């Protein structure tokens, strides 16, 4: 990597780090390109060379969080009971929310392009699909279970619980409980007797 390219990478990381701190402290409303450039110690022109808009910076911060959790999700074994799937979903969500402040999460959610990118381009529901398929093969979920319906219910539960938390209407423990309960109810609708037993333990 040549010196110029290395500087770009370093500048980009510094910008994202400072932007996340500014969002955490004052909210996205007070994040201006001029103030950000000043805090990072780069020109506004440099900032615009790396990020076209303030929204692009927020989106890059989201991508950073997603990149951080990918190895965690990838390390999970698809041979989990339904009860373990519920618990893992809560644990993974909790890791994501620890990496994002409520202010950053609201900034991400308030730009419609971000949830769209997360659910459509990143295929958020694809992450749970192998676990659901394995639960069918293990006899915990009915073979007629609508896996797409379970996945979309999971997305809706996580989205609403995280938004309530970001708006400080519920605390982290209540957020995690809502995610756990929501996914459990979605799974119970299609669980076999064996699966129901796993969910109730």
N, C-alpha and C. Protein backbone atom coordinates (compact mmCIF):
# COMPACT_ATOMS: atom_id res chain seq x y z
N UNK A 1 0.85 -1.19 0.00
CA UNK A 1 0.00 0.00 0.00
C UNK A 1 0.89 1.24 0.00
N UNK A 2 0.67 2.17 -0.97
CA UNK A 2 1.49 3.37 -1.02
C UNK A 2 1.08 4.35 0.08
N UNK A 3 1.93 5.37 0.28
CA UNK A 3 1.71 6.33 1.37
C UNK A 3 0.38 7.06 1.29
N UNK A 4 0.00 7.44 0.07
CA UNK A 4 -1.25 8.20 -0.11
C UNK A 4 -2.47 7.34 0.26
N UNK A 5 -2.42 6.10 -0.20
CA UNK A 5 -3.54 5.18 0.10
C UNK A 5 -3.61 4.88 1.61
N UNK A 6 -2.44 4.72 2.22
CA UNK A 6 -2.39 4.45 3.66
C UNK A 6 -2.97 5.63 4.43
N UNK A 7 -2.65 6.87 3.99
CA UNK A 7 -3.21 8.06 4.65
C UNK A 7 -4.72 8.10 4.54
N UNK A 8 -5.23 7.71 3.36
CA UNK A 8 -6.69 7.67 3.16
C UNK A 8 -7.36 6.72 4.16
N UNK A 9 -6.77 5.53 4.32
CA UNK A 9 -7.32 4.53 5.23
C UNK A 9 -7.31 5.06 6.66
N UNK A 10 -6.17 5.65 7.07
CA UNK A 10 -6.05 6.20 8.42
C UNK A 10 -7.05 7.34 8.62
N UNK A 11 -7.13 8.24 7.64
CA UNK A 11 -8.08 9.36 7.74
C UNK A 11 -9.52 8.87 7.86
N UNK A 12 -9.84 7.86 7.07
CA UNK A 12 -11.21 7.31 7.09
C UNK A 12 -11.54 6.75 8.48
N UNK A 13 -10.61 5.98 9.04
CA UNK A 13 -10.83 5.39 10.36
C UNK A 13 -10.96 6.47 11.44
N UNK A 14 -10.09 7.49 11.36
CA UNK A 14 -10.14 8.60 12.32
C UNK A 14 -11.47 9.35 12.23
N UNK A 15 -11.92 9.59 11.00
CA UNK A 15 -13.18 10.31 10.78
C UNK A 15 -14.33 9.53 11.40
N UNK A 16 -14.38 8.22 11.14
CA UNK A 16 -15.47 7.40 11.68
C UNK A 16 -15.43 7.35 13.20
N UNK A 17 -14.23 7.24 13.75
CA UNK A 17 -14.09 7.18 15.21
C UNK A 17 -14.58 8.48 15.86
N UNK A 18 -14.15 9.62 15.32
CA UNK A 18 -14.56 10.93 15.87
C UNK A 18 -16.04 11.16 15.63
N UNK A 19 -16.54 10.78 14.46
CA UNK A 19 -17.97 10.96 14.15
C UNK A 19 -18.83 10.18 15.13
N UNK A 20 -18.43 8.95 15.43
CA UNK A 20 -19.21 8.14 16.38
C UNK A 20 -19.21 8.77 17.77
N UNK A 21 -18.08 9.31 18.18
CA UNK A 21 -18.00 9.99 19.48
C UNK A 21 -18.90 11.22 19.50
N UNK A 22 -18.88 11.99 18.41
CA UNK A 22 -19.71 13.20 18.32
C UNK A 22 -21.20 12.84 18.35
N UNK A 23 -21.57 11.79 17.63
CA UNK A 23 -22.97 11.35 17.62
C UNK A 23 -23.39 10.89 19.01
N UNK A 24 -22.50 10.11 19.67
CA UNK A 24 -22.79 9.61 21.02
C UNK A 24 -23.00 10.77 22.00
N UNK A 25 -22.18 11.80 21.85
CA UNK A 25 -22.22 12.92 22.79
C UNK A 25 -23.37 13.89 22.54
N UNK A 26 -23.54 14.29 21.27
CA UNK A 26 -24.50 15.37 20.97
C UNK A 26 -25.63 14.98 20.03
N UNK A 27 -25.63 13.73 19.55
CA UNK A 27 -26.66 13.33 18.59
C UNK A 27 -26.26 13.70 17.18
N UNK A 28 -26.90 13.09 16.21
CA UNK A 28 -26.53 13.29 14.80
C UNK A 28 -26.87 14.70 14.32
N UNK A 29 -27.84 15.36 14.97
CA UNK A 29 -28.26 16.69 14.54
C UNK A 29 -27.10 17.69 14.59
N UNK A 30 -26.19 17.49 15.56
CA UNK A 30 -25.07 18.44 15.73
C UNK A 30 -23.82 18.00 14.98
N UNK A 31 -23.93 16.92 14.22
CA UNK A 31 -22.77 16.44 13.44
C UNK A 31 -22.75 17.19 12.11
N UNK A 32 -21.88 18.18 12.00
CA UNK A 32 -21.73 18.89 10.72
C UNK A 32 -20.38 18.51 10.11
N UNK A 33 -20.30 18.60 8.80
CA UNK A 33 -19.06 18.22 8.12
C UNK A 33 -17.91 19.16 8.54
N UNK A 34 -18.23 20.43 8.74
CA UNK A 34 -17.19 21.39 9.13
C UNK A 34 -16.66 21.09 10.54
N UNK A 35 -17.58 20.86 11.49
CA UNK A 35 -17.17 20.57 12.86
C UNK A 35 -16.39 19.25 12.93
N UNK A 36 -16.83 18.27 12.15
CA UNK A 36 -16.15 16.97 12.12
C UNK A 36 -14.74 17.11 11.57
N UNK A 37 -14.60 17.84 10.45
CA UNK A 37 -13.28 18.05 9.84
C UNK A 37 -12.33 18.73 10.83
N UNK A 38 -12.87 19.71 11.54
CA UNK A 38 -12.08 20.44 12.54
C UNK A 38 -11.57 19.51 13.64
N UNK A 39 -12.47 18.67 14.16
CA UNK A 39 -12.10 17.77 15.26
C UNK A 39 -11.10 16.72 14.82
N UNK A 40 -11.23 16.25 13.58
CA UNK A 40 -10.32 15.22 13.07
C UNK A 40 -8.97 15.83 12.71
N UNK A 41 -9.00 17.12 12.30
CA UNK A 41 -7.76 17.78 11.89
C UNK A 41 -7.47 17.60 10.41
N UNK A 42 -8.56 17.52 9.63
CA UNK A 42 -8.42 17.45 8.17
C UNK A 42 -9.26 18.57 7.56
N UNK A 43 -9.03 18.82 6.27
CA UNK A 43 -9.83 19.85 5.61
C UNK A 43 -11.22 19.30 5.28
N UNK A 44 -12.16 20.21 5.08
CA UNK A 44 -13.52 19.80 4.69
C UNK A 44 -13.46 19.09 3.33
N UNK A 45 -12.55 19.55 2.47
CA UNK A 45 -12.39 18.92 1.14
C UNK A 45 -11.97 17.45 1.29
N UNK A 46 -11.05 17.18 2.23
CA UNK A 46 -10.61 15.80 2.49
C UNK A 46 -11.79 14.96 2.94
N UNK A 47 -12.61 15.54 3.82
CA UNK A 47 -13.79 14.84 4.33
C UNK A 47 -14.72 14.46 3.18
N UNK A 48 -14.98 15.42 2.28
CA UNK A 48 -15.89 15.15 1.15
C UNK A 48 -15.27 14.20 0.12
N UNK A 49 -13.94 14.13 0.09
CA UNK A 49 -13.30 13.15 -0.81
C UNK A 49 -13.53 11.73 -0.33
N UNK A 50 -13.67 11.57 0.99
CA UNK A 50 -13.85 10.24 1.57
C UNK A 50 -15.32 9.87 1.76
N UNK A 51 -16.15 10.85 2.07
CA UNK A 51 -17.58 10.63 2.30
C UNK A 51 -18.38 11.74 1.62
N UNK A 52 -19.30 11.35 0.76
CA UNK A 52 -20.05 12.36 0.00
C UNK A 52 -20.99 13.19 0.88
N UNK A 53 -21.55 12.55 1.91
CA UNK A 53 -22.53 13.24 2.75
C UNK A 53 -22.37 12.81 4.21
N UNK A 54 -23.05 13.53 5.08
CA UNK A 54 -23.06 13.15 6.50
C UNK A 54 -23.73 11.78 6.65
N UNK A 55 -24.77 11.54 5.87
CA UNK A 55 -25.48 10.25 5.92
C UNK A 55 -24.56 9.10 5.53
N UNK A 56 -23.64 9.36 4.61
CA UNK A 56 -22.68 8.32 4.21
C UNK A 56 -21.77 7.95 5.37
N UNK A 57 -21.46 8.93 6.22
CA UNK A 57 -20.63 8.66 7.40
C UNK A 57 -21.39 7.78 8.38
N UNK A 58 -22.67 8.11 8.60
CA UNK A 58 -23.50 7.31 9.51
C UNK A 58 -23.61 5.88 8.98
N UNK A 59 -23.78 5.76 7.66
CA UNK A 59 -23.91 4.43 7.06
C UNK A 59 -22.61 3.64 7.20
N UNK A 60 -21.48 4.33 7.05
CA UNK A 60 -20.18 3.67 7.21
C UNK A 60 -19.98 3.21 8.65
N UNK A 61 -20.49 3.98 9.60
CA UNK A 61 -20.41 3.59 11.01
C UNK A 61 -21.21 2.31 11.24
N UNK A 62 -22.39 2.20 10.60
CA UNK A 62 -23.20 0.98 10.68
C UNK A 62 -22.44 -0.20 10.09
N UNK A 63 -21.82 0.01 8.93
CA UNK A 63 -21.06 -1.07 8.29
C UNK A 63 -19.91 -1.54 9.18
N UNK A 64 -19.31 -0.60 9.91
CA UNK A 64 -18.22 -0.92 10.83
C UNK A 64 -18.72 -1.86 11.94
N UNK A 65 -19.90 -1.54 12.48
CA UNK A 65 -20.49 -2.38 13.53
C UNK A 65 -20.79 -3.78 12.98
N UNK A 66 -21.37 -3.84 11.77
CA UNK A 66 -21.70 -5.12 11.16
C UNK A 66 -20.44 -5.96 10.91
N UNK A 67 -19.37 -5.29 10.48
CA UNK A 67 -18.11 -6.00 10.24
C UNK A 67 -17.55 -6.57 11.54
N UNK A 68 -17.74 -5.83 12.64
CA UNK A 68 -17.24 -6.29 13.94
C UNK A 68 -17.96 -7.55 14.42
N UNK A 69 -19.26 -7.66 14.09
CA UNK A 69 -20.01 -8.82 14.61
C UNK A 69 -20.01 -10.02 13.67
N UNK A 70 -19.57 -9.83 12.42
CA UNK A 70 -19.58 -10.95 11.47
C UNK A 70 -18.85 -12.18 11.98
N UNK A 71 -17.63 -12.02 12.53
CA UNK A 71 -16.92 -13.22 13.02
C UNK A 71 -17.67 -13.93 14.15
N UNK A 72 -18.38 -13.16 14.97
CA UNK A 72 -19.14 -13.76 16.08
C UNK A 72 -20.27 -14.62 15.54
N UNK A 73 -21.00 -14.06 14.57
CA UNK A 73 -22.11 -14.80 13.96
C UNK A 73 -21.57 -16.02 13.22
N UNK A 74 -20.45 -15.84 12.52
CA UNK A 74 -19.86 -16.94 11.76
C UNK A 74 -19.35 -18.08 12.62
N UNK A 75 -19.06 -17.78 13.89
CA UNK A 75 -18.52 -18.82 14.77
C UNK A 75 -19.61 -19.70 15.39
N UNK A 76 -20.88 -19.30 15.23
CA UNK A 76 -21.97 -20.08 15.82
C UNK A 76 -22.21 -21.36 15.03
N UNK A 77 -22.54 -22.42 15.75
CA UNK A 77 -22.84 -23.70 15.10
C UNK A 77 -24.32 -23.76 14.78
N UNK A 78 -24.69 -24.20 13.56
CA UNK A 78 -26.11 -24.27 13.22
C UNK A 78 -26.87 -25.40 13.93
N UNK A 79 -26.17 -26.23 14.68
CA UNK A 79 -26.83 -27.34 15.39
C UNK A 79 -27.24 -26.90 16.80
N UNK A 80 -28.16 -25.97 16.87
CA UNK A 80 -28.65 -25.47 18.15
C UNK A 80 -30.09 -25.87 18.34
N UNK A 81 -30.48 -26.01 19.60
CA UNK A 81 -31.91 -26.24 19.89
C UNK A 81 -32.63 -24.91 19.70
N UNK A 82 -33.96 -24.96 19.63
CA UNK A 82 -34.73 -23.72 19.49
C UNK A 82 -34.48 -22.78 20.66
N UNK A 83 -34.36 -23.33 21.85
CA UNK A 83 -34.07 -22.50 23.03
C UNK A 83 -32.73 -21.79 22.90
N UNK A 84 -31.73 -22.50 22.36
CA UNK A 84 -30.41 -21.89 22.16
C UNK A 84 -30.44 -20.84 21.06
N UNK A 85 -31.27 -21.06 20.04
CA UNK A 85 -31.41 -20.06 18.97
C UNK A 85 -31.92 -18.75 19.56
N UNK A 86 -32.94 -18.83 20.42
CA UNK A 86 -33.49 -17.64 21.07
C UNK A 86 -32.42 -16.92 21.87
N UNK A 87 -31.68 -17.68 22.66
CA UNK A 87 -30.66 -17.07 23.53
C UNK A 87 -29.53 -16.47 22.71
N UNK A 88 -29.11 -17.16 21.63
CA UNK A 88 -28.04 -16.63 20.78
C UNK A 88 -28.48 -15.35 20.08
N UNK A 89 -29.74 -15.29 19.66
CA UNK A 89 -30.26 -14.08 19.01
C UNK A 89 -30.17 -12.89 19.96
N UNK A 90 -30.50 -13.13 21.23
CA UNK A 90 -30.41 -12.06 22.23
C UNK A 90 -28.95 -11.66 22.44
N UNK A 91 -28.07 -12.64 22.54
CA UNK A 91 -26.64 -12.35 22.78
C UNK A 91 -26.03 -11.56 21.63
N UNK A 92 -26.33 -11.97 20.39
CA UNK A 92 -25.79 -11.27 19.22
C UNK A 92 -26.35 -9.85 19.16
N UNK A 93 -27.66 -9.70 19.38
CA UNK A 93 -28.27 -8.36 19.38
C UNK A 93 -27.62 -7.49 20.44
N UNK A 94 -27.36 -8.06 21.61
CA UNK A 94 -26.75 -7.31 22.70
C UNK A 94 -25.35 -6.82 22.32
N UNK A 95 -24.59 -7.67 21.63
CA UNK A 95 -23.25 -7.28 21.18
C UNK A 95 -23.33 -6.10 20.21
N UNK A 96 -24.31 -6.17 19.30
CA UNK A 96 -24.51 -5.08 18.33
C UNK A 96 -24.83 -3.78 19.07
N UNK A 97 -25.75 -3.86 20.04
CA UNK A 97 -26.18 -2.65 20.73
C UNK A 97 -25.11 -2.11 21.66
N UNK A 98 -24.21 -2.96 22.14
CA UNK A 98 -23.08 -2.47 22.94
C UNK A 98 -22.11 -1.69 22.05
N UNK A 99 -22.06 -2.05 20.77
CA UNK A 99 -21.17 -1.37 19.83
C UNK A 99 -21.79 -0.08 19.28
N UNK A 100 -23.09 0.09 19.49
CA UNK A 100 -23.79 1.27 18.99
C UNK A 100 -24.45 2.00 20.15
N UNK A 101 -24.24 3.29 20.21
CA UNK A 101 -24.96 4.08 21.22
C UNK A 101 -26.40 4.28 20.75
N UNK A 102 -27.32 4.62 21.66
CA UNK A 102 -28.69 4.92 21.22
C UNK A 102 -28.73 6.02 20.15
N UNK A 103 -27.85 7.03 20.28
CA UNK A 103 -27.83 8.13 19.30
C UNK A 103 -27.45 7.64 17.92
N UNK A 104 -26.42 6.78 17.85
CA UNK A 104 -26.00 6.25 16.55
C UNK A 104 -27.10 5.37 15.96
N UNK A 105 -27.72 4.55 16.81
CA UNK A 105 -28.77 3.66 16.33
C UNK A 105 -29.94 4.46 15.76
N UNK A 106 -30.34 5.54 16.45
CA UNK A 106 -31.43 6.38 15.94
C UNK A 106 -31.04 7.06 14.64
N UNK A 107 -29.78 7.51 14.56
CA UNK A 107 -29.31 8.14 13.32
C UNK A 107 -29.38 7.15 12.16
N UNK A 108 -29.01 5.91 12.43
CA UNK A 108 -29.06 4.86 11.41
C UNK A 108 -30.51 4.60 11.01
N UNK A 109 -31.39 4.47 12.00
CA UNK A 109 -32.80 4.13 11.73
C UNK A 109 -33.57 5.27 11.05
N UNK A 110 -33.17 6.51 11.34
CA UNK A 110 -33.91 7.65 10.80
C UNK A 110 -33.59 7.96 9.35
N UNK A 111 -32.56 7.33 8.81
CA UNK A 111 -32.26 7.43 7.38
C UNK A 111 -32.76 6.13 6.76
N UNK A 112 -33.86 6.21 6.02
CA UNK A 112 -34.52 5.01 5.49
C UNK A 112 -33.58 4.12 4.69
N UNK A 113 -32.54 4.69 4.11
CA UNK A 113 -31.60 3.88 3.32
C UNK A 113 -30.87 2.86 4.18
N UNK A 114 -30.67 3.17 5.47
CA UNK A 114 -29.90 2.27 6.32
C UNK A 114 -30.63 0.98 6.66
N UNK A 115 -31.87 1.05 7.22
CA UNK A 115 -32.58 -0.22 7.44
C UNK A 115 -32.77 -1.00 6.14
N UNK A 116 -33.01 -0.27 5.04
CA UNK A 116 -33.20 -0.94 3.75
C UNK A 116 -31.93 -1.69 3.38
N UNK A 117 -30.79 -1.03 3.56
CA UNK A 117 -29.51 -1.67 3.22
C UNK A 117 -29.28 -2.88 4.12
N UNK A 118 -29.57 -2.72 5.42
CA UNK A 118 -29.34 -3.80 6.36
C UNK A 118 -30.20 -5.02 6.04
N UNK A 119 -31.51 -4.79 5.83
CA UNK A 119 -32.42 -5.91 5.63
C UNK A 119 -32.42 -6.45 4.20
N UNK A 120 -32.18 -5.58 3.22
CA UNK A 120 -32.25 -6.03 1.82
C UNK A 120 -30.85 -6.39 1.30
N UNK A 121 -29.91 -5.45 1.38
CA UNK A 121 -28.59 -5.69 0.80
C UNK A 121 -27.75 -6.64 1.65
N UNK A 122 -27.83 -6.49 2.97
CA UNK A 122 -27.05 -7.38 3.84
C UNK A 122 -27.80 -8.67 4.14
N UNK A 123 -29.05 -8.76 3.69
CA UNK A 123 -29.86 -9.97 3.90
C UNK A 123 -29.84 -10.38 5.38
N UNK A 124 -30.30 -9.47 6.22
CA UNK A 124 -30.25 -9.70 7.67
C UNK A 124 -30.90 -11.01 8.07
N UNK A 125 -32.02 -11.33 7.45
CA UNK A 125 -32.73 -12.55 7.86
C UNK A 125 -32.02 -13.82 7.42
N UNK A 126 -31.08 -13.70 6.48
CA UNK A 126 -30.34 -14.89 6.04
C UNK A 126 -29.52 -15.49 7.18
N UNK A 127 -29.14 -14.66 8.15
CA UNK A 127 -28.31 -15.13 9.25
C UNK A 127 -28.97 -16.20 10.09
N UNK A 128 -30.29 -16.13 10.23
CA UNK A 128 -31.00 -17.09 11.08
C UNK A 128 -31.47 -18.31 10.29
N UNK A 129 -31.51 -18.20 8.96
CA UNK A 129 -32.06 -19.27 8.11
C UNK A 129 -31.41 -20.64 8.33
N UNK A 130 -30.06 -20.76 8.38
CA UNK A 130 -29.46 -22.09 8.57
C UNK A 130 -29.86 -22.74 9.90
N UNK A 131 -30.05 -21.92 10.93
CA UNK A 131 -30.43 -22.44 12.25
C UNK A 131 -31.86 -22.97 12.22
N UNK A 132 -32.73 -22.25 11.51
CA UNK A 132 -34.13 -22.68 11.40
C UNK A 132 -34.23 -23.97 10.58
N UNK A 133 -33.46 -24.03 9.49
CA UNK A 133 -33.47 -25.23 8.64
C UNK A 133 -33.00 -26.44 9.44
N UNK A 134 -31.93 -26.25 10.24
CA UNK A 134 -31.40 -27.35 11.05
C UNK A 134 -32.43 -27.78 12.10
N UNK A 135 -33.16 -26.81 12.67
CA UNK A 135 -34.19 -27.13 13.66
C UNK A 135 -35.29 -27.99 13.03
N UNK A 136 -35.57 -27.75 11.75
CA UNK A 136 -36.54 -28.61 11.03
C UNK A 136 -35.98 -30.02 10.91
N UNK A 137 -34.72 -30.12 10.49
CA UNK A 137 -34.10 -31.44 10.31
C UNK A 137 -33.99 -32.20 11.63
N UNK A 138 -33.84 -31.44 12.73
CA UNK A 138 -33.74 -32.05 14.06
C UNK A 138 -35.10 -32.37 14.67
N UNK A 139 -36.17 -32.04 13.95
CA UNK A 139 -37.50 -32.36 14.44
C UNK A 139 -38.05 -31.40 15.49
N UNK A 140 -37.46 -30.21 15.61
CA UNK A 140 -37.96 -29.22 16.58
C UNK A 140 -38.92 -28.23 15.94
N UNK A 141 -38.78 -28.04 14.63
CA UNK A 141 -39.71 -27.18 13.89
C UNK A 141 -40.43 -28.03 12.86
N UNK A 142 -41.70 -27.76 12.69
CA UNK A 142 -42.48 -28.50 11.69
C UNK A 142 -41.86 -28.33 10.31
N UNK A 143 -41.92 -29.37 9.50
CA UNK A 143 -41.38 -29.30 8.14
C UNK A 143 -42.19 -28.35 7.27
N UNK A 144 -43.40 -27.99 7.73
CA UNK A 144 -44.22 -27.04 6.97
C UNK A 144 -44.04 -25.61 7.49
N UNK A 145 -43.11 -25.42 8.43
CA UNK A 145 -42.89 -24.09 9.00
C UNK A 145 -42.48 -23.10 7.92
N UNK A 146 -43.05 -21.91 7.99
CA UNK A 146 -42.72 -20.85 7.05
C UNK A 146 -41.50 -20.10 7.58
N UNK A 147 -40.31 -20.49 7.10
CA UNK A 147 -39.08 -19.92 7.62
C UNK A 147 -38.95 -18.43 7.30
N UNK A 148 -39.48 -18.03 6.15
CA UNK A 148 -39.43 -16.60 5.79
C UNK A 148 -40.29 -15.78 6.75
N UNK A 149 -41.42 -16.34 7.15
CA UNK A 149 -42.31 -15.64 8.09
C UNK A 149 -41.64 -15.50 9.46
N UNK A 150 -40.98 -16.57 9.92
CA UNK A 150 -40.27 -16.51 11.20
C UNK A 150 -39.16 -15.46 11.13
N UNK A 151 -38.42 -15.46 10.03
CA UNK A 151 -37.32 -14.50 9.87
C UNK A 151 -37.82 -13.07 9.86
N UNK A 152 -38.91 -12.81 9.12
CA UNK A 152 -39.41 -11.44 9.05
C UNK A 152 -40.01 -11.00 10.39
N UNK A 153 -40.59 -11.95 11.14
CA UNK A 153 -41.08 -11.63 12.48
C UNK A 153 -39.92 -11.26 13.39
N UNK A 154 -38.82 -12.01 13.26
CA UNK A 154 -37.62 -11.74 14.05
C UNK A 154 -37.10 -10.33 13.74
N UNK A 155 -37.04 -9.97 12.44
CA UNK A 155 -36.57 -8.64 12.05
C UNK A 155 -37.44 -7.55 12.68
N UNK A 156 -38.76 -7.75 12.62
CA UNK A 156 -39.69 -6.75 13.17
C UNK A 156 -39.52 -6.60 14.68
N UNK A 157 -39.35 -7.72 15.36
CA UNK A 157 -39.18 -7.71 16.82
C UNK A 157 -37.90 -6.97 17.19
N UNK A 158 -36.79 -7.30 16.53
CA UNK A 158 -35.51 -6.65 16.84
C UNK A 158 -35.59 -5.16 16.53
N UNK A 159 -36.19 -4.82 15.39
CA UNK A 159 -36.28 -3.40 14.99
C UNK A 159 -37.08 -2.59 16.01
N UNK A 160 -38.24 -3.10 16.40
CA UNK A 160 -39.08 -2.32 17.33
C UNK A 160 -38.45 -2.25 18.72
N UNK A 161 -37.89 -3.37 19.20
CA UNK A 161 -37.26 -3.36 20.53
C UNK A 161 -36.06 -2.42 20.56
N UNK A 162 -35.27 -2.44 19.49
CA UNK A 162 -34.08 -1.58 19.47
C UNK A 162 -34.46 -0.12 19.35
N UNK A 163 -35.53 0.17 18.61
CA UNK A 163 -35.97 1.57 18.49
C UNK A 163 -36.49 2.10 19.83
N UNK A 164 -37.29 1.30 20.53
CA UNK A 164 -37.76 1.72 21.86
C UNK A 164 -36.57 2.00 22.78
N UNK A 165 -35.54 1.12 22.70
CA UNK A 165 -34.35 1.30 23.54
C UNK A 165 -33.60 2.57 23.15
N UNK A 166 -33.44 2.79 21.84
CA UNK A 166 -32.71 3.97 21.36
C UNK A 166 -33.42 5.26 21.77
N UNK A 167 -34.75 5.20 21.87
CA UNK A 167 -35.53 6.38 22.28
C UNK A 167 -35.61 6.49 23.81
N UNK A 168 -34.92 5.55 24.49
CA UNK A 168 -34.86 5.51 25.96
C UNK A 168 -36.24 5.31 26.60
N UNK A 169 -37.08 4.55 25.91
CA UNK A 169 -38.40 4.19 26.45
C UNK A 169 -38.31 2.89 27.25
N UNK A 170 -37.30 2.08 26.95
CA UNK A 170 -37.05 0.85 27.72
C UNK A 170 -35.55 0.74 27.96
N UNK A 171 -35.16 -0.03 28.96
CA UNK A 171 -33.72 -0.22 29.21
C UNK A 171 -33.21 -1.45 28.45
N UNK A 172 -31.91 -1.71 28.57
CA UNK A 172 -31.29 -2.82 27.82
C UNK A 172 -31.88 -4.17 28.21
N UNK A 173 -32.16 -4.36 29.50
CA UNK A 173 -32.72 -5.65 29.95
C UNK A 173 -34.11 -5.85 29.34
N UNK A 174 -34.93 -4.80 29.30
CA UNK A 174 -36.27 -4.91 28.71
C UNK A 174 -36.17 -5.15 27.20
N UNK A 175 -35.22 -4.49 26.56
CA UNK A 175 -35.00 -4.70 25.12
C UNK A 175 -34.67 -6.16 24.84
N UNK A 176 -33.74 -6.72 25.61
CA UNK A 176 -33.35 -8.12 25.41
C UNK A 176 -34.51 -9.07 25.69
N UNK A 177 -35.31 -8.75 26.69
CA UNK A 177 -36.47 -9.59 27.02
C UNK A 177 -37.49 -9.58 25.89
N UNK A 178 -37.70 -8.40 25.30
CA UNK A 178 -38.65 -8.30 24.17
C UNK A 178 -38.16 -9.12 22.97
N UNK A 179 -36.86 -9.05 22.70
CA UNK A 179 -36.31 -9.82 21.58
C UNK A 179 -36.47 -11.31 21.85
N UNK A 180 -36.13 -11.73 23.05
CA UNK A 180 -36.24 -13.15 23.42
C UNK A 180 -37.69 -13.64 23.32
N UNK A 181 -38.60 -12.88 23.89
CA UNK A 181 -40.02 -13.27 23.88
C UNK A 181 -40.59 -13.27 22.47
N UNK A 182 -40.25 -12.26 21.69
CA UNK A 182 -40.77 -12.16 20.32
C UNK A 182 -40.33 -13.32 19.45
N UNK A 183 -39.05 -13.67 19.53
CA UNK A 183 -38.55 -14.79 18.73
C UNK A 183 -39.14 -16.10 19.23
N UNK A 184 -39.25 -16.24 20.54
CA UNK A 184 -39.80 -17.46 21.13
C UNK A 184 -41.25 -17.67 20.65
N UNK A 185 -42.05 -16.61 20.63
CA UNK A 185 -43.44 -16.73 20.18
C UNK A 185 -43.50 -17.09 18.69
N UNK A 186 -42.59 -16.50 17.90
CA UNK A 186 -42.56 -16.82 16.46
C UNK A 186 -42.22 -18.29 16.25
N UNK A 187 -41.30 -18.81 17.05
CA UNK A 187 -40.90 -20.21 16.93
C UNK A 187 -41.97 -21.16 17.47
N UNK A 188 -42.64 -20.75 18.56
CA UNK A 188 -43.69 -21.60 19.14
C UNK A 188 -44.82 -21.87 18.16
N UNK A 189 -45.08 -20.93 17.27
CA UNK A 189 -46.17 -21.09 16.31
C UNK A 189 -45.95 -22.29 15.40
N UNK A 190 -44.67 -22.67 15.20
CA UNK A 190 -44.35 -23.78 14.29
C UNK A 190 -43.61 -24.92 14.98
N UNK A 191 -43.40 -24.83 16.29
CA UNK A 191 -42.60 -25.83 16.99
C UNK A 191 -43.35 -27.16 17.14
N UNK A 192 -42.61 -28.24 17.05
CA UNK A 192 -43.14 -29.57 17.35
C UNK A 192 -43.16 -29.71 18.88
N UNK A 193 -43.77 -30.78 19.43
CA UNK A 193 -43.71 -30.97 20.89
C UNK A 193 -42.29 -30.94 21.43
N UNK A 194 -41.36 -31.54 20.68
CA UNK A 194 -39.95 -31.53 21.09
C UNK A 194 -39.40 -30.09 21.11
N UNK A 195 -39.76 -29.32 20.08
CA UNK A 195 -39.32 -27.93 20.00
C UNK A 195 -39.89 -27.07 21.10
N UNK A 196 -41.18 -27.31 21.42
CA UNK A 196 -41.82 -26.54 22.50
C UNK A 196 -41.13 -26.81 23.82
N UNK A 197 -40.74 -28.05 24.03
CA UNK A 197 -40.05 -28.43 25.26
C UNK A 197 -38.73 -27.66 25.36
N UNK A 198 -38.00 -27.59 24.23
CA UNK A 198 -36.72 -26.88 24.20
C UNK A 198 -36.91 -25.40 24.48
N UNK A 199 -37.98 -24.82 23.94
CA UNK A 199 -38.23 -23.39 24.14
C UNK A 199 -38.63 -23.06 25.56
N UNK A 200 -39.26 -24.01 26.23
CA UNK A 200 -39.74 -23.78 27.60
C UNK A 200 -38.67 -24.03 28.66
N UNK A 201 -37.58 -24.71 28.28
CA UNK A 201 -36.51 -24.99 29.26
C UNK A 201 -35.62 -23.77 29.45
